[in-house]
């Protein structure tokens, strides 16, 4: 199980959302956890989660069980917001208030409700949150380090709410404020009624504004596994263990749970799970790097060559919409063979002399004494090139659905090593290489395609062709899906014509799909126009069938 797959499983379980409502991004480009609420009212939740290594201090990055549990806690926390939080209820209330203080109050209430729910609903996630909060406790600066009263109080409040104790010392007066805020929190931890939550926010805010202005505070304290960028004002980037790390974490957990720590966090079973997950992730990463090295040897004009981000929900939405078209294309193309295999015991064809002699000698009435040559689909290889340049922004949904449809068709017709799928703009994206299986990892990438950049069509052909030519298959085809003309650098039109001629001379069949317009006819001899998914099923199938027959 990869990090993304684990995160997706937790997200679906906790958020209880359909693919139409949720989007999950987990990769090295995500700097810190955050959830975006899209629409008014909210129609989609976009969850951004960094890789496990970014959620712990650098001196804990060798401790895989801790990293994994903090990662799971982070995902669960964000998914909990998708299930429980409606950020719009505080909009009017925030108007005219101290921005940072009001922001801290609403975050405090919603984070406390989410973690209370998660801990009570799932014991395992409760343990993960305890570990994550223990790590946050170890990274936190003691509250008496701060010379600002409001900063001390909000740090102490967050510490008491999520860790169960205050790190450092505060005055009796300040402690009374923290206790009063915590009392309000406890009263609303199971509430979902907007008027009650806004009333609680007002009470907490009134207590905090009496402690001073937030002008001297750059940000409010956000635990590293909570949504938002963790402030270096409140949390260190390292722990500097002075003793055994596991003992320190265990002691910190005991503060969180008010009892002896989670001893089983460092059990053999947890070590084994963490080692397995990290091993699988590293194995997958190494394979991707190896594949990437093949393509990066000559990037031509591309600004970069890499892999798309992951978005499984968008893939699921697209696949649901293309199911009918996909089946129609497979039904047509499955009838077409692309190489010859000998089939014996036929009723017509070339006479099989041995079979004829045996039939005559036995005085049998058999008529299946002939051989026929039939075409075999096992010798077909495809490279699919999907244009995802900025010009396709207006047809974004067609782009994703077309890419998913072609991937599903290729998977239905051929073995994994016989087809690859790429996306191109002014960068080249490997969605599926010939040496990869069509598994969830590829489906995650299909959902992550986003239109951007220029259309470097000739460069895409130049990168894909050498890879396709390494295939042992007899019939090879490149299917190019684009909305129009190549552009992006001087002389690209002539370079496109040259690249197409080179491909055709190599014996590869070249097929273009004009997505939304017919500009492809300027460059390609074999092309079809597609404006809807039924068009794709009808026009592409017809074109491919006729071209493949001519190649006999």
Protein backbone atom coordinates (compact mmCIF):
# COMPACT_ATOMS: atom_id res chain seq x y z
CA UNK A 1 0.00 0.00 0.00
CA UNK A 2 1.45 3.37 -1.05
CA UNK A 3 1.19 6.61 0.92
CA UNK A 4 -1.47 7.87 -1.47
CA UNK A 5 -3.49 4.67 -1.34
CA UNK A 6 -3.39 4.67 2.46
CA UNK A 7 -4.43 8.33 2.52
CA UNK A 8 -7.27 7.70 0.06
CA UNK A 9 -8.61 4.80 2.16
CA UNK A 10 -8.61 6.93 5.32
CA UNK A 11 -10.14 9.91 3.50
CA UNK A 12 -13.07 7.92 2.11
CA UNK A 13 -13.67 6.22 5.47
CA UNK A 14 -13.63 9.42 7.53
CA UNK A 15 -15.08 12.03 5.16
CA UNK A 16 -17.95 9.80 3.96
CA UNK A 17 -17.91 11.73 0.69
CA UNK A 18 -18.52 10.54 -2.86
CA UNK A 19 -15.81 11.00 -5.52
CA UNK A 20 -17.77 13.98 -6.88
CA UNK A 21 -17.23 15.78 -3.58
CA UNK A 22 -13.63 15.05 -2.63
CA UNK A 23 -10.17 15.63 -4.10
CA UNK A 24 -7.00 14.34 -2.41
CA UNK A 25 -3.47 15.48 -3.25
CA UNK A 26 -0.46 13.78 -1.66
CA UNK A 27 2.99 14.39 -3.12
CA UNK A 28 6.28 16.13 -2.57
CA UNK A 29 4.91 19.38 -4.01
CA UNK A 30 2.42 19.73 -1.11
CA UNK A 31 4.26 21.84 1.53
CA UNK A 32 1.84 21.46 4.46
CA UNK A 33 -1.63 20.05 5.18
CA UNK A 34 -4.60 22.18 4.22
CA UNK A 35 -8.21 21.73 3.17
CA UNK A 36 -9.90 24.01 0.63
CA UNK A 37 -13.66 24.39 0.58
CA UNK A 38 -14.92 24.95 -2.97
CA UNK A 39 -18.27 26.54 -3.68
CA UNK A 40 -21.00 28.30 -1.75
CA UNK A 41 -22.45 26.16 -0.29
CA UNK A 42 -19.45 23.84 -0.29
CA UNK A 43 -19.62 21.37 -3.19
CA UNK A 44 -16.09 19.99 -3.20
CA UNK A 45 -13.39 19.48 -0.57
CA UNK A 46 -9.78 19.60 -1.75
CA UNK A 47 -7.40 17.99 0.74
CA UNK A 48 -3.65 18.62 0.45
CA UNK A 49 -1.39 16.35 2.51
CA UNK A 50 2.44 16.37 2.44
CA UNK A 51 4.57 13.24 2.46
CA UNK A 52 5.26 11.75 5.93
CA UNK A 53 8.81 13.12 6.07
CA UNK A 54 7.52 16.70 5.99
CA UNK A 55 5.23 16.19 8.99
CA UNK A 56 7.94 15.38 11.55
CA UNK A 57 11.18 17.16 12.53
CA UNK A 58 14.30 16.04 10.68
CA UNK A 59 15.65 14.21 13.72
CA UNK A 60 12.59 11.92 13.69
CA UNK A 61 12.75 10.99 10.00
CA UNK A 62 14.46 7.68 10.66
CA UNK A 63 11.61 6.57 12.91
CA UNK A 64 9.16 5.03 10.44
CA UNK A 65 6.41 4.02 12.93
CA UNK A 66 6.19 7.61 14.21
CA UNK A 67 6.20 9.11 10.70
CA UNK A 68 3.51 6.74 9.50
CA UNK A 69 1.19 7.38 12.41
CA UNK A 70 1.62 11.15 12.20
CA UNK A 71 0.85 10.90 8.47
CA UNK A 72 -2.34 8.90 9.14
CA UNK A 73 -3.35 11.37 11.84
CA UNK A 74 -2.86 14.27 9.42
CA UNK A 75 -4.99 12.65 6.71
CA UNK A 76 -7.72 11.72 9.19
CA UNK A 77 -7.76 15.24 10.61
CA UNK A 78 -8.26 16.86 7.19
CA UNK A 79 -10.86 14.26 6.18
CA UNK A 80 -12.63 14.93 9.48
CA UNK A 81 -13.02 18.57 8.45
CA UNK A 82 -14.56 17.43 5.16
CA UNK A 83 -17.15 15.51 7.14
CA UNK A 84 -17.83 17.92 10.00
CA UNK A 85 -16.76 21.47 9.18
CA UNK A 86 -18.77 24.16 7.45
CA UNK A 87 -16.44 27.19 7.34
CA UNK A 88 -19.14 29.48 5.96
CA UNK A 89 -21.02 29.66 9.26
CA UNK A 90 -18.34 31.94 10.77
CA UNK A 91 -18.08 34.41 7.85
CA UNK A 92 -20.47 37.07 9.15
CA UNK A 93 -19.23 36.61 12.70
CA UNK A 94 -15.61 37.34 11.72
CA UNK A 95 -16.49 40.67 10.12
CA UNK A 96 -14.82 43.58 11.94
CA UNK A 97 -12.91 41.38 14.39
CA UNK A 98 -9.18 40.97 15.00
CA UNK A 99 -8.30 38.70 12.06
CA UNK A 100 -5.69 36.46 13.70
CA UNK A 101 -7.54 36.07 16.97
CA UNK A 102 -10.83 35.28 15.22
CA UNK A 103 -9.02 32.84 12.96
CA UNK A 104 -7.45 31.10 15.94
CA UNK A 105 -10.86 30.81 17.64
CA UNK A 106 -12.64 29.20 14.68
CA UNK A 107 -9.73 26.84 14.01
CA UNK A 108 -9.57 25.88 17.67
CA UNK A 109 -13.27 25.01 17.82
CA UNK A 110 -13.35 23.04 14.57
CA UNK A 111 -10.07 21.20 15.22
CA UNK A 112 -11.24 20.21 18.70
CA UNK A 113 -14.58 18.91 17.37
CA UNK A 114 -12.78 16.90 14.65
CA UNK A 115 -10.25 15.30 16.98
CA UNK A 116 -12.89 14.50 19.60
CA UNK A 117 -14.97 12.76 16.93
CA UNK A 118 -12.04 10.81 15.45
CA UNK A 119 -10.75 9.62 18.81
CA UNK A 120 -14.18 8.40 19.89
CA UNK A 121 -15.11 6.79 16.57
CA UNK A 122 -11.87 4.93 15.71
CA UNK A 123 -9.51 3.70 18.40
CA UNK A 124 -6.70 3.32 15.87
CA UNK A 125 -7.00 6.88 14.64
CA UNK A 126 -7.25 8.04 18.23
CA UNK A 127 -3.85 6.45 18.83
CA UNK A 128 -2.45 8.07 15.68
CA UNK A 129 -3.68 11.48 16.84
CA UNK A 130 -2.13 10.89 20.26
CA UNK A 131 1.23 10.21 18.63
CA UNK A 132 0.92 13.26 16.37
CA UNK A 133 0.00 15.49 19.30
CA UNK A 134 2.85 14.04 21.35
CA UNK A 135 5.31 14.94 18.59
CA UNK A 136 3.76 18.43 18.46
CA UNK A 137 4.26 18.68 22.24
CA UNK A 138 7.94 17.79 21.90
CA UNK A 139 8.40 20.37 19.14
CA UNK A 140 6.50 23.16 20.91
CA UNK A 141 8.31 25.99 22.63
CA UNK A 142 7.44 26.34 26.35
CA UNK A 143 4.79 29.03 26.76
CA UNK A 144 6.88 30.97 29.27
CA UNK A 145 9.35 31.64 26.42
CA UNK A 146 6.94 34.21 25.00
CA UNK A 147 6.95 37.81 26.25
CA UNK A 148 3.49 38.52 24.82
CA UNK A 149 0.48 37.72 27.00
CA UNK A 150 -1.90 36.82 24.15
CA UNK A 151 0.74 34.61 22.55
CA UNK A 152 1.25 32.76 25.84
CA UNK A 153 -2.47 32.22 26.29
CA UNK A 154 -3.27 30.98 22.78
CA UNK A 155 -0.24 28.64 22.88
CA UNK A 156 -1.33 27.33 26.28
CA UNK A 157 -4.94 26.95 25.10
CA UNK A 158 -3.92 24.89 22.05
CA UNK A 159 -1.60 22.78 24.20
CA UNK A 160 -4.30 22.06 26.78
CA UNK A 161 -6.95 21.29 24.13
CA UNK A 162 -4.92 18.80 22.07
CA UNK A 163 -2.12 17.62 24.32
CA UNK A 164 -3.94 17.67 27.64
CA UNK A 165 -1.36 19.76 29.47
CA UNK A 166 0.50 23.04 29.15
CA UNK A 167 4.18 23.00 28.25
CA UNK A 168 5.83 25.64 30.41
CA UNK A 169 4.49 27.95 33.10
CA UNK A 170 1.88 30.71 33.00
CA UNK A 171 0.47 32.94 35.71
CA UNK A 172 -2.64 32.03 37.73
CA UNK A 173 -4.58 34.78 35.98
CA UNK A 174 -3.61 33.49 32.55
CA UNK A 175 -4.40 29.93 33.59
CA UNK A 176 -7.95 31.00 34.51
CA UNK A 177 -8.45 32.37 30.99
CA UNK A 178 -7.18 29.10 29.47
CA UNK A 179 -9.48 27.05 31.72
CA UNK A 180 -12.47 29.25 30.83
CA UNK A 181 -11.80 28.79 27.10
CA UNK A 182 -11.37 25.05 27.53
CA UNK A 183 -14.69 24.87 29.38
CA UNK A 184 -16.48 26.46 26.41
CA UNK A 185 -14.76 24.00 24.06
CA UNK A 186 -15.90 21.00 26.07
CA UNK A 187 -19.51 22.16 25.89
CA UNK A 188 -19.58 22.29 22.07
CA UNK A 189 -17.35 19.34 21.13
CA UNK A 190 -20.36 17.29 19.97
CA UNK A 191 -22.32 20.18 18.47
CA UNK A 192 -23.01 20.78 14.78
CA UNK A 193 -25.57 23.58 15.14
CA UNK A 194 -24.29 26.84 13.61
CA UNK A 195 -25.87 29.14 16.21
CA UNK A 196 -24.29 27.20 19.10
CA UNK A 197 -20.85 27.15 17.42
CA UNK A 198 -20.95 30.88 16.60
CA UNK A 199 -22.03 31.62 20.18
CA UNK A 200 -19.08 29.60 21.49
CA UNK A 201 -16.73 31.46 19.14
CA UNK A 202 -18.03 34.78 20.46
CA UNK A 203 -17.47 33.73 24.09
CA UNK A 204 -13.92 32.53 23.45
CA UNK A 205 -13.06 35.57 21.34
CA UNK A 206 -14.27 37.98 24.06
CA UNK A 207 -12.02 36.27 26.60
CA UNK A 208 -8.96 36.41 24.30
CA UNK A 209 -9.26 40.01 23.04
CA UNK A 210 -9.00 41.19 26.63
CA UNK A 211 -5.50 39.70 26.67
CA UNK A 212 -4.18 42.05 24.01
CA UNK A 213 -3.89 42.66 20.27
CA UNK A 214 -2.50 40.10 17.83
CA UNK A 215 -0.38 42.70 16.03
CA UNK A 216 2.85 41.19 17.37
CA UNK A 217 1.83 37.63 16.43
CA UNK A 218 2.68 36.54 12.89
CA UNK A 219 0.42 33.48 13.02
CA UNK A 220 -1.56 31.47 15.52
CA UNK A 221 -0.26 28.09 16.76
CA UNK A 222 -1.10 25.29 14.30
CA UNK A 223 0.12 21.79 15.12
CA UNK A 224 2.21 20.40 12.22
CA UNK A 225 -0.42 17.76 11.41
CA UNK A 226 -3.33 20.26 11.44
CA UNK A 227 -4.45 22.28 8.42
CA UNK A 228 -2.37 25.32 7.68
CA UNK A 229 1.32 26.15 7.78
CA UNK A 230 2.85 25.37 11.15
CA UNK A 231 4.35 28.55 12.57
CA UNK A 232 8.01 28.56 13.58
CA UNK A 233 6.96 31.04 16.26
CA UNK A 234 5.44 28.17 18.22
CA UNK A 235 7.08 24.97 16.95
CA UNK A 236 10.73 24.04 16.47
CA UNK A 237 11.92 22.30 13.32
CA UNK A 238 13.77 19.74 15.45
CA UNK A 239 13.50 18.08 18.84
CA UNK A 240 17.15 17.51 19.85
CA UNK A 241 16.60 14.28 21.75
CA UNK A 242 18.72 14.14 24.87
CA UNK A 243 17.63 10.57 25.59
CA UNK A 244 16.00 7.66 23.80
CA UNK A 245 13.50 9.09 21.27
CA UNK A 246 10.98 6.31 21.86
CA UNK A 247 10.96 6.90 25.59
CA UNK A 248 10.45 10.63 25.11
CA UNK A 249 7.55 10.08 22.72
CA UNK A 250 6.03 7.48 25.02
CA UNK A 251 6.25 9.90 27.93
CA UNK A 252 4.67 12.66 25.84
CA UNK A 253 1.84 10.34 24.82
CA UNK A 254 1.17 9.56 28.46
CA UNK A 255 0.57 13.29 28.96
CA UNK A 256 -1.87 13.33 26.06
CA UNK A 257 -3.84 10.28 27.19
CA UNK A 258 -3.48 10.93 30.91
CA UNK A 259 -2.20 7.37 31.31
CA UNK A 260 0.77 5.25 30.35
CA UNK A 261 1.74 5.81 26.72
CA UNK A 262 0.91 3.69 23.75
CA UNK A 263 3.58 1.06 24.26
CA UNK A 264 2.43 -0.82 21.18
CA UNK A 265 3.51 2.03 18.90
CA UNK A 266 7.00 0.53 18.97
CA UNK A 267 5.85 -3.10 18.91
CA UNK A 268 7.15 -5.51 16.28
CA UNK A 269 3.81 -5.38 14.46
CA UNK A 270 3.92 -1.60 14.09
CA UNK A 271 7.54 -1.65 13.01
CA UNK A 272 6.69 -4.32 10.43
CA UNK A 273 3.75 -2.33 9.05
CA UNK A 274 5.79 0.86 8.80
CA UNK A 275 8.79 -0.90 7.25
CA UNK A 276 6.53 -2.55 4.67
CA UNK A 277 4.74 0.67 3.68
CA UNK A 278 7.98 2.66 3.39
CA UNK A 279 9.66 -0.20 1.52
CA UNK A 280 6.83 -0.37 -1.03
CA UNK A 281 6.92 3.40 -1.47
CA UNK A 282 10.70 3.40 -1.96
CA UNK A 283 10.46 0.49 -4.42
CA UNK A 284 7.84 2.38 -6.43
CA UNK A 285 9.92 5.56 -6.33
CA UNK A 286 13.03 3.75 -7.53
CA UNK A 287 11.11 2.20 -10.42
CA UNK A 288 9.73 5.60 -11.40
CA UNK A 289 13.20 7.13 -11.31
CA UNK A 290 14.55 4.34 -13.48
CA UNK A 291 11.80 4.88 -16.05
CA UNK A 292 12.24 8.64 -15.84
CA UNK A 293 15.96 8.33 -16.62
CA UNK A 294 15.10 6.71 -19.96
CA UNK A 295 13.02 9.69 -21.06
CA UNK A 296 15.20 12.44 -19.60
CA UNK A 297 18.19 11.53 -21.78
CA UNK A 298 16.80 13.81 -24.50
CA UNK A 299 14.03 16.17 -23.35
CA UNK A 300 14.25 18.29 -26.58
CA UNK A 301 12.44 21.59 -25.96
CA UNK A 302 10.43 20.38 -22.96
CA UNK A 303 10.81 22.36 -19.75
CA UNK A 304 10.70 19.09 -17.84
CA UNK A 305 9.70 15.43 -17.92
CA UNK A 306 7.93 13.86 -14.96
CA UNK A 307 4.77 12.28 -13.56
CA UNK A 308 1.37 13.96 -13.04
CA UNK A 309 0.05 14.53 -9.54
CA UNK A 310 -2.43 12.02 -8.12
CA UNK A 311 -6.20 12.51 -8.07
CA UNK A 312 -8.15 9.26 -7.80
CA UNK A 313 -11.53 10.93 -7.32
CA UNK A 314 -11.35 12.66 -10.70
CA UNK A 315 -10.40 9.38 -12.37
CA UNK A 316 -13.44 7.66 -10.79
CA UNK A 317 -15.74 10.46 -11.95
CA UNK A 318 -14.38 10.28 -15.49
CA UNK A 319 -14.55 6.50 -15.70
CA UNK A 320 -18.16 6.49 -14.62
CA UNK A 321 -19.04 8.83 -17.49
CA UNK A 322 -17.09 7.00 -20.20
CA UNK A 323 -18.18 3.44 -19.39
CA UNK A 324 -20.54 3.15 -22.37
CA UNK A 325 -18.17 4.68 -24.94
CA UNK A 326 -15.28 2.57 -23.66
CA UNK A 327 -17.24 -0.66 -24.13
CA UNK A 328 -18.27 0.31 -27.68
CA UNK A 329 -14.68 1.02 -28.75
CA UNK A 330 -13.40 -2.24 -27.24
CA UNK A 331 -16.21 -4.19 -28.93
CA UNK A 332 -15.21 -2.82 -32.37
CA UNK A 333 -11.43 -3.00 -32.01
CA UNK A 334 -11.46 -6.44 -30.43
CA UNK A 335 -12.61 -7.79 -33.79
CA UNK A 336 -9.49 -6.44 -35.45
CA UNK A 337 -6.25 -8.42 -35.40
CA UNK A 338 -2.90 -6.92 -36.21
CA UNK A 339 -0.61 -9.83 -37.02
CA UNK A 340 -0.88 -13.34 -38.43
CA UNK A 341 -1.03 -16.56 -36.47
CA UNK A 342 -1.49 -20.00 -38.02
CA UNK A 343 -4.71 -21.80 -37.06
CA UNK A 344 -4.93 -25.48 -37.94
CA UNK A 345 -7.93 -27.83 -38.42
CA UNK A 346 -9.95 -25.38 -40.53
CA UNK A 347 -12.58 -26.22 -43.18
CA UNK A 348 -10.91 -24.01 -45.78
CA UNK A 349 -7.55 -22.47 -46.57
CA UNK A 350 -4.17 -24.08 -47.27
CA UNK A 351 -4.17 -27.88 -47.44
CA UNK A 352 -2.43 -29.52 -44.47
CA UNK A 353 -0.80 -32.52 -46.21
CA UNK A 354 -0.30 -34.59 -43.04
CA UNK A 355 -3.94 -34.15 -42.01
CA UNK A 356 -5.10 -35.02 -45.58
CA UNK A 357 -3.05 -38.26 -45.70
CA UNK A 358 -4.39 -39.35 -42.29
CA UNK A 359 -7.96 -38.61 -43.38
CA UNK A 360 -7.65 -40.62 -46.61
CA UNK A 361 -5.92 -43.54 -44.85
CA UNK A 362 -8.64 -43.74 -42.20
CA UNK A 363 -11.41 -43.26 -44.77
CA UNK A 364 -12.77 -40.48 -42.54
CA UNK A 365 -15.31 -37.87 -43.62
CA UNK A 366 -13.36 -35.03 -41.94
CA UNK A 367 -13.22 -31.69 -43.76
CA UNK A 368 -11.06 -29.74 -41.27
CA UNK A 369 -7.80 -30.55 -43.05
CA UNK A 370 -6.79 -26.99 -43.93
CA UNK A 371 -4.67 -24.27 -42.33
CA UNK A 372 -5.54 -20.57 -42.12
CA UNK A 373 -3.46 -17.50 -41.25
CA UNK A 374 -5.38 -15.17 -38.96
CA UNK A 375 -4.28 -11.89 -37.46
CA UNK A 376 -3.22 -11.87 -33.82
CA UNK A 377 -3.87 -8.95 -31.50
CA UNK A 378 -0.96 -10.02 -29.30
CA UNK A 379 1.45 -8.21 -31.63
CA UNK A 380 -0.01 -4.70 -31.35
CA UNK A 381 1.63 -1.82 -29.43
CA UNK A 382 0.23 1.66 -28.82
CA UNK A 383 1.68 4.93 -27.60
CA UNK A 384 -1.09 7.37 -26.68
CA UNK A 385 -0.20 11.09 -26.59
CA UNK A 386 -2.76 13.38 -24.95
CA UNK A 387 -2.42 17.14 -25.33
CA UNK A 388 -2.96 18.85 -21.96
CA UNK A 389 -1.87 22.37 -22.96
CA UNK A 390 -3.50 25.57 -21.71
CA UNK A 391 -5.74 25.81 -24.78
CA UNK A 392 -7.67 22.79 -23.49
CA UNK A 393 -8.82 24.60 -20.34
CA UNK A 394 -12.27 25.10 -21.84
CA UNK A 395 -12.63 21.38 -22.57
CA UNK A 396 -11.06 20.17 -19.33
CA UNK A 397 -13.63 17.47 -18.71
CA UNK A 398 -13.31 16.11 -22.26
CA UNK A 399 -9.53 15.89 -21.82
CA UNK A 400 -9.74 13.77 -18.68
CA UNK A 401 -12.54 11.57 -19.96
CA UNK A 402 -10.81 11.01 -23.32
CA UNK A 403 -7.54 10.06 -21.61
CA UNK A 404 -9.30 7.66 -19.23
CA UNK A 405 -11.34 6.18 -22.09
CA UNK A 406 -8.27 5.47 -24.21
CA UNK A 407 -6.42 3.99 -21.24
CA UNK A 408 -9.33 1.68 -20.43
CA UNK A 409 -9.63 0.66 -24.09
CA UNK A 410 -5.92 -0.10 -24.37
CA UNK A 411 -6.07 -2.09 -21.16
CA UNK A 412 -9.06 -4.04 -22.46
CA UNK A 413 -7.37 -4.92 -25.74
CA UNK A 414 -3.71 -5.42 -24.91
CA UNK A 415 -1.32 -6.61 -22.23
CA UNK A 416 0.30 -3.93 -20.07
CA UNK A 417 3.70 -4.06 -21.77
CA UNK A 418 2.05 -3.28 -25.14
CA UNK A 419 0.85 0.26 -24.44
CA UNK A 420 1.87 3.53 -22.86
CA UNK A 421 0.07 6.81 -22.28
CA UNK A 422 1.62 10.27 -22.01
CA UNK A 423 0.39 13.84 -21.64
CA UNK A 424 2.24 16.81 -23.12
CA UNK A 425 2.22 20.59 -23.12
CA UNK A 426 5.53 22.43 -22.69
CA UNK A 427 6.29 19.61 -20.26
CA UNK A 428 6.08 15.86 -20.83
CA UNK A 429 4.12 13.72 -18.34
CA UNK A 430 4.47 9.94 -18.07
CA UNK A 431 1.02 8.66 -17.16
CA UNK A 432 1.80 5.01 -17.92
CA UNK A 433 5.04 3.57 -19.28
CA UNK A 434 5.24 0.30 -21.21
CA UNK A 435 6.99 -1.31 -18.23
CA UNK A 436 4.22 -0.40 -15.78
CA UNK A 437 1.03 -2.27 -15.00
CA UNK A 438 -2.30 -0.53 -15.38
CA UNK A 439 -2.92 -0.33 -11.65
CA UNK A 440 -4.23 2.24 -9.19
CA UNK A 441 -0.99 4.20 -9.36
CA UNK A 442 -1.63 4.91 -13.06
CA UNK A 443 -5.30 5.68 -12.41
CA UNK A 444 -4.26 8.22 -9.76
CA UNK A 445 -2.12 9.96 -12.41
CA UNK A 446 -4.91 9.95 -14.99
CA UNK A 447 -7.06 11.96 -12.61
CA UNK A 448 -4.25 14.44 -12.04
CA UNK A 449 -4.02 15.74 -15.61
CA UNK A 450 -4.49 19.52 -15.72
CA UNK A 451 -4.33 21.80 -18.80
CA UNK A 452 -1.34 24.17 -18.73
CA UNK A 453 1.46 25.48 -20.94
CA UNK A 454 2.07 25.43 -24.71
CA UNK A 455 1.66 22.59 -27.24
CA UNK A 456 5.04 20.96 -27.96
CA UNK A 457 3.65 18.29 -30.29
CA UNK A 458 6.84 17.48 -32.26
CA UNK A 459 8.81 17.05 -29.07
CA UNK A 460 6.18 14.66 -27.69
CA UNK A 461 6.53 12.53 -30.82
CA UNK A 462 10.31 12.57 -30.58
CA UNK A 463 10.24 11.43 -26.95
CA UNK A 464 7.60 8.73 -27.45
CA UNK A 465 8.78 7.14 -30.70
CA UNK A 466 12.11 5.67 -29.48
CA UNK A 467 10.31 4.12 -26.53
CA UNK A 468 7.62 2.62 -28.78
CA UNK A 469 10.25 1.21 -31.14
CA UNK A 470 11.74 -0.85 -28.30
CA UNK A 471 8.56 -2.93 -28.23
CA UNK A 472 8.84 -6.37 -29.91
CA UNK A 473 5.35 -6.07 -31.43
CA UNK A 474 4.88 -6.11 -35.20
CA UNK A 475 2.16 -3.48 -35.52
CA UNK A 476 2.79 -0.15 -33.78
CA UNK A 477 0.53 2.88 -33.60
CA UNK A 478 0.66 6.33 -32.05
CA UNK A 479 -2.67 7.93 -31.18
CA UNK A 480 -2.39 11.72 -30.72
CA UNK A 481 -5.25 13.55 -29.00
CA UNK A 482 -5.01 17.33 -29.46
CA UNK A 483 -7.24 20.36 -29.87
CA UNK A 484 -5.28 22.06 -32.62
CA UNK A 485 -1.99 23.42 -33.77
CA UNK A 486 1.39 23.11 -32.05
CA UNK A 487 2.85 26.32 -30.65
CA UNK A 488 5.38 27.49 -28.10
CA UNK A 489 8.65 28.22 -29.90
CA UNK A 490 9.90 29.50 -33.25
CA UNK A 491 9.74 27.04 -36.11
CA UNK A 492 7.53 24.54 -34.29
CA UNK A 493 5.13 24.16 -37.25
CA UNK A 494 7.86 22.98 -39.63
CA UNK A 495 9.37 20.82 -36.92
CA UNK A 496 5.97 19.15 -36.45
CA UNK A 497 5.74 18.28 -40.16
CA UNK A 498 9.28 16.86 -40.10
CA UNK A 499 8.58 14.82 -36.96
CA UNK A 500 5.39 13.36 -38.47
CA UNK A 501 7.20 12.34 -41.67
CA UNK A 502 9.90 10.65 -39.59
CA UNK A 503 7.30 8.69 -37.64
CA UNK A 504 5.53 7.56 -40.80
CA UNK A 505 8.82 6.44 -42.40
CA UNK A 506 9.56 4.31 -39.34
CA UNK A 507 6.54 2.12 -40.10
CA UNK A 508 4.45 3.39 -37.18
CA UNK A 509 0.78 4.15 -37.89
CA UNK A 510 -0.01 7.70 -36.83
CA UNK A 511 -3.59 8.61 -35.89
CA UNK A 512 -4.79 12.04 -34.73
CA UNK A 513 -7.94 12.79 -32.75
CA UNK A 514 -9.09 16.40 -33.12
CA UNK A 515 -10.59 17.24 -29.76
CA UNK A 516 -13.21 19.93 -30.32
CA UNK A 517 -11.92 21.13 -33.74
CA UNK A 518 -10.50 19.96 -37.08
CA UNK A 519 -7.15 21.78 -37.11
CA UNK A 520 -5.33 18.44 -36.95
CA UNK A 521 -5.99 17.93 -40.68
CA UNK A 522 -3.28 20.51 -41.38
CA UNK A 523 -0.61 18.10 -40.14
CA UNK A 524 -2.00 14.56 -40.08
CA UNK A 525 -3.15 12.40 -42.99
CA UNK A 526 -5.14 10.08 -40.71
CA UNK A 527 -7.38 12.00 -38.37
CA UNK A 528 -10.88 12.11 -36.96
CA UNK A 529 -12.97 14.80 -35.32
CA UNK A 530 -14.27 14.26 -31.78
CA UNK A 531 -16.66 16.59 -30.00
CA UNK A 532 -18.41 14.09 -27.73
CA UNK A 533 -17.64 10.71 -26.23
CA UNK A 534 -19.97 8.96 -28.71
CA UNK A 535 -17.86 10.63 -31.45
CA UNK A 536 -14.77 9.06 -29.94
CA UNK A 537 -16.35 5.63 -29.89
CA UNK A 538 -17.57 5.90 -33.50
CA UNK A 539 -14.94 7.95 -35.32
CA UNK A 540 -11.76 6.64 -33.70
CA UNK A 541 -12.88 3.02 -34.01
CA UNK A 542 -13.70 3.47 -37.71
CA UNK A 543 -10.41 5.25 -38.46
CA UNK A 544 -8.22 2.81 -36.56
CA UNK A 545 -9.97 -0.15 -38.18
CA UNK A 546 -9.38 1.14 -41.72
CA UNK A 547 -5.72 2.07 -41.09
CA UNK A 548 -4.89 -1.26 -39.46
CA UNK A 549 -6.49 -3.15 -42.36
CA UNK A 550 -4.39 -1.21 -44.87
CA UNK A 551 -1.23 -2.20 -42.99
CA UNK A 552 -1.76 -5.89 -43.81
